[in-house]
């Protein structure tokens, strides 16, 4: 039932494409802490052993929430908090995953309200992926029509971006529209 939420950790993993990552010392600025969260997300997602992944994401959730609460008008912080929450949902699985997915949706919607263009429209991409992957009513809030609309909006803002093209292609493929999906993969 919640296997689709597990796909979020894999699916949203490509959000890092195009964002440069580096090792970090003690972050002193917003940009440094945002980069540190991105870097630690990549570490937790790609290199942390399965038994430790949930704990790593639990710590990252706290850091991402702190950054966005300290910078309530910065859409970038809310986007990354949403990404961390959705990835943690995929790691956690089960009923607890839906709560994290709902929190992610709230953060991404808040980011859109502040600046829909932030991070090349990444909030649209991440939110569209959530609506695509989360189960629909009565279990969750998933909605394939809304997913398609959000992913198309992401493409309008970032037509050459790998993330919106990949996730829209995945959406089309899973809708049985393989020839169209191939155009976006190419």
Protein backbone atom coordinates (compact mmCIF):
# COMPACT_ATOMS: atom_id res chain seq x y z
CA UNK A 1 0.00 0.00 0.00
CA UNK A 2 2.70 2.48 0.88
CA UNK A 3 5.25 1.06 -1.54
CA UNK A 4 4.60 4.07 -3.73
CA UNK A 5 5.74 6.36 -0.94
CA UNK A 6 8.97 4.36 -0.77
CA UNK A 7 9.58 5.46 -4.36
CA UNK A 8 9.81 9.05 -3.15
CA UNK A 9 13.27 8.48 -1.76
CA UNK A 10 14.42 7.28 -5.16
CA UNK A 11 12.29 9.62 -7.21
CA UNK A 12 13.14 12.81 -5.40
CA UNK A 13 16.79 11.84 -5.33
CA UNK A 14 17.33 13.49 -8.69
CA UNK A 15 16.33 16.86 -7.27
CA UNK A 16 20.02 17.35 -6.47
CA UNK A 17 20.99 17.32 -10.13
CA UNK A 18 22.34 20.70 -11.03
CA UNK A 19 22.87 21.78 -7.42
CA UNK A 20 26.53 21.82 -6.55
CA UNK A 21 27.47 20.07 -3.36
CA UNK A 22 30.56 20.43 -1.28
CA UNK A 23 31.82 19.45 2.12
CA UNK A 24 31.09 21.95 4.82
CA UNK A 25 32.45 23.30 8.06
CA UNK A 26 30.25 24.98 10.63
CA UNK A 27 27.64 26.79 8.54
CA UNK A 28 27.44 30.49 9.38
CA UNK A 29 25.00 31.76 6.77
CA UNK A 30 21.69 30.76 5.24
CA UNK A 31 23.37 29.61 2.03
CA UNK A 32 25.97 27.59 3.91
CA UNK A 33 23.35 25.82 6.04
CA UNK A 34 21.15 25.15 2.99
CA UNK A 35 24.12 23.64 1.20
CA UNK A 36 24.97 21.59 4.31
CA UNK A 37 21.42 20.22 4.40
CA UNK A 38 21.64 19.33 0.68
CA UNK A 39 24.97 17.63 1.22
CA UNK A 40 23.79 15.72 4.28
CA UNK A 41 20.60 14.73 2.42
CA UNK A 42 22.74 13.23 -0.35
CA UNK A 43 24.88 11.41 2.20
CA UNK A 44 21.85 10.04 4.06
CA UNK A 45 20.11 9.06 0.85
CA UNK A 46 23.00 7.57 -1.10
CA UNK A 47 25.65 6.34 1.31
CA UNK A 48 24.09 5.77 4.73
CA UNK A 49 23.47 2.09 5.47
CA UNK A 50 19.80 1.08 5.52
CA UNK A 51 19.62 0.49 9.30
CA UNK A 52 20.87 4.03 10.00
CA UNK A 53 18.94 5.88 7.27
CA UNK A 54 15.80 6.60 9.28
CA UNK A 55 17.81 8.08 12.16
CA UNK A 56 19.87 10.17 9.72
CA UNK A 57 16.70 11.59 8.19
CA UNK A 58 15.17 12.21 11.62
CA UNK A 59 18.15 14.46 12.43
CA UNK A 60 17.96 16.11 9.04
CA UNK A 61 14.25 16.86 9.52
CA UNK A 62 15.11 18.80 12.68
CA UNK A 63 17.85 20.80 10.92
CA UNK A 64 15.69 21.58 7.89
CA UNK A 65 12.80 22.67 10.12
CA UNK A 66 15.13 24.92 12.11
CA UNK A 67 16.44 26.57 8.94
CA UNK A 68 12.97 27.24 7.56
CA UNK A 69 11.64 28.50 10.90
CA UNK A 70 14.62 30.87 11.20
CA UNK A 71 14.03 32.03 7.61
CA UNK A 72 10.25 31.97 7.17
CA UNK A 73 10.31 34.08 4.00
CA UNK A 74 12.89 31.92 2.19
CA UNK A 75 11.20 29.50 -0.19
CA UNK A 76 14.46 27.59 -0.66
CA UNK A 77 14.46 26.49 2.98
CA UNK A 78 10.85 25.32 2.74
CA UNK A 79 11.56 23.44 -0.48
CA UNK A 80 14.42 21.57 1.11
CA UNK A 81 12.41 20.88 4.23
CA UNK A 82 9.74 19.41 1.94
CA UNK A 83 12.33 17.31 0.11
CA UNK A 84 13.78 16.00 3.38
CA UNK A 85 10.31 15.15 4.69
CA UNK A 86 9.25 13.36 1.51
CA UNK A 87 12.47 11.36 1.36
CA UNK A 88 12.08 10.45 5.03
CA UNK A 89 8.56 9.25 4.19
CA UNK A 90 10.04 6.91 1.61
CA UNK A 91 12.58 5.61 4.10
CA UNK A 92 10.04 5.15 6.87
CA UNK A 93 7.24 3.55 4.86
CA UNK A 94 3.98 2.38 6.41
CA UNK A 95 1.37 4.63 7.99
CA UNK A 96 3.98 7.00 9.39
CA UNK A 97 5.04 7.80 5.85
CA UNK A 98 1.73 9.43 5.02
CA UNK A 99 2.08 11.93 7.87
CA UNK A 100 5.53 12.92 6.63
CA UNK A 101 4.22 13.19 3.06
CA UNK A 102 1.44 15.52 4.26
CA UNK A 103 3.97 17.68 6.09
CA UNK A 104 6.08 17.77 2.94
CA UNK A 105 3.07 18.91 0.90
CA UNK A 106 2.44 21.75 3.39
CA UNK A 107 6.04 22.95 3.19
CA UNK A 108 6.13 22.82 -0.60
CA UNK A 109 2.81 24.68 -0.89
CA UNK A 110 4.13 27.33 1.52
CA UNK A 111 7.26 27.67 -0.64
CA UNK A 112 5.11 28.19 -3.74
CA UNK A 113 3.19 30.93 -1.95
CA UNK A 114 6.46 32.76 -1.23
CA UNK A 115 8.31 32.27 -4.53
CA UNK A 116 7.16 29.77 -7.13
CA UNK A 117 10.34 30.37 -9.14
CA UNK A 118 12.74 29.47 -6.30
CA UNK A 119 15.28 26.80 -7.20
CA UNK A 120 13.99 26.78 -10.79
CA UNK A 121 10.48 25.76 -9.75
CA UNK A 122 11.62 22.78 -7.68
CA UNK A 123 8.58 23.11 -5.42
CA UNK A 124 6.34 22.31 -8.40
CA UNK A 125 8.47 19.32 -9.32
CA UNK A 126 8.57 17.92 -5.79
CA UNK A 127 4.89 18.61 -5.12
CA UNK A 128 3.87 17.08 -8.44
CA UNK A 129 5.87 13.98 -7.58
CA UNK A 130 4.15 13.75 -4.19
CA UNK A 131 0.70 13.95 -5.77
CA UNK A 132 1.78 11.30 -8.27
CA UNK A 133 3.32 8.86 -5.77
CA UNK A 134 1.14 9.16 -2.66
CA UNK A 135 -1.96 6.94 -2.64
CA UNK A 136 -5.22 8.70 -3.41
CA UNK A 137 -8.43 8.93 -1.43
CA UNK A 138 -9.35 7.42 1.00
CA UNK A 139 -5.80 6.64 2.17
CA UNK A 140 -3.93 9.71 1.05
CA UNK A 141 -4.03 12.90 -0.99
CA UNK A 142 -2.59 11.56 -4.24
CA UNK A 143 -4.19 12.90 -7.40
CA UNK A 144 -2.88 12.10 -10.86
CA UNK A 145 -4.57 15.07 -12.56
CA UNK A 146 -3.10 17.52 -10.07
CA UNK A 147 0.29 15.80 -10.37
CA UNK A 148 0.26 16.33 -14.13
CA UNK A 149 -0.67 20.02 -13.75
CA UNK A 150 2.09 20.65 -11.20
CA UNK A 151 4.72 18.84 -13.26
CA UNK A 152 3.71 20.79 -16.38
CA UNK A 153 4.07 24.02 -14.41
CA UNK A 154 7.55 22.91 -13.35
CA UNK A 155 8.41 22.38 -17.01
CA UNK A 156 7.21 25.89 -17.90
CA UNK A 157 9.64 27.33 -15.35
CA UNK A 158 12.51 24.99 -16.16
CA UNK A 159 11.94 23.43 -19.60
CA UNK A 160 15.47 22.07 -19.90
CA UNK A 161 15.84 20.88 -16.31
CA UNK A 162 16.53 17.22 -15.78
CA UNK A 163 14.22 16.98 -12.76
CA UNK A 164 10.96 18.27 -14.27
CA UNK A 165 11.60 16.36 -17.50
CA UNK A 166 12.39 13.12 -15.69
CA UNK A 167 9.43 13.26 -13.31
CA UNK A 168 6.98 14.30 -16.01
CA UNK A 169 8.25 11.44 -18.19
CA UNK A 170 7.79 9.03 -15.29
CA UNK A 171 4.27 10.39 -14.76
CA UNK A 172 3.41 9.97 -18.46
CA UNK A 173 4.89 6.47 -18.57
CA UNK A 174 2.84 5.35 -15.58
CA UNK A 175 -0.25 6.84 -17.26
CA UNK A 176 0.38 4.52 -20.23
CA UNK A 177 1.63 7.35 -22.44
CA UNK A 178 5.04 5.90 -23.28
CA UNK A 179 5.65 7.69 -26.60
CA UNK A 180 5.09 11.08 -24.93
CA UNK A 181 7.22 10.04 -21.96
CA UNK A 182 10.13 9.25 -24.27
CA UNK A 183 10.12 12.82 -25.61
CA UNK A 184 10.71 14.17 -22.10
CA UNK A 185 13.37 11.61 -21.29
CA UNK A 186 15.26 12.60 -24.41
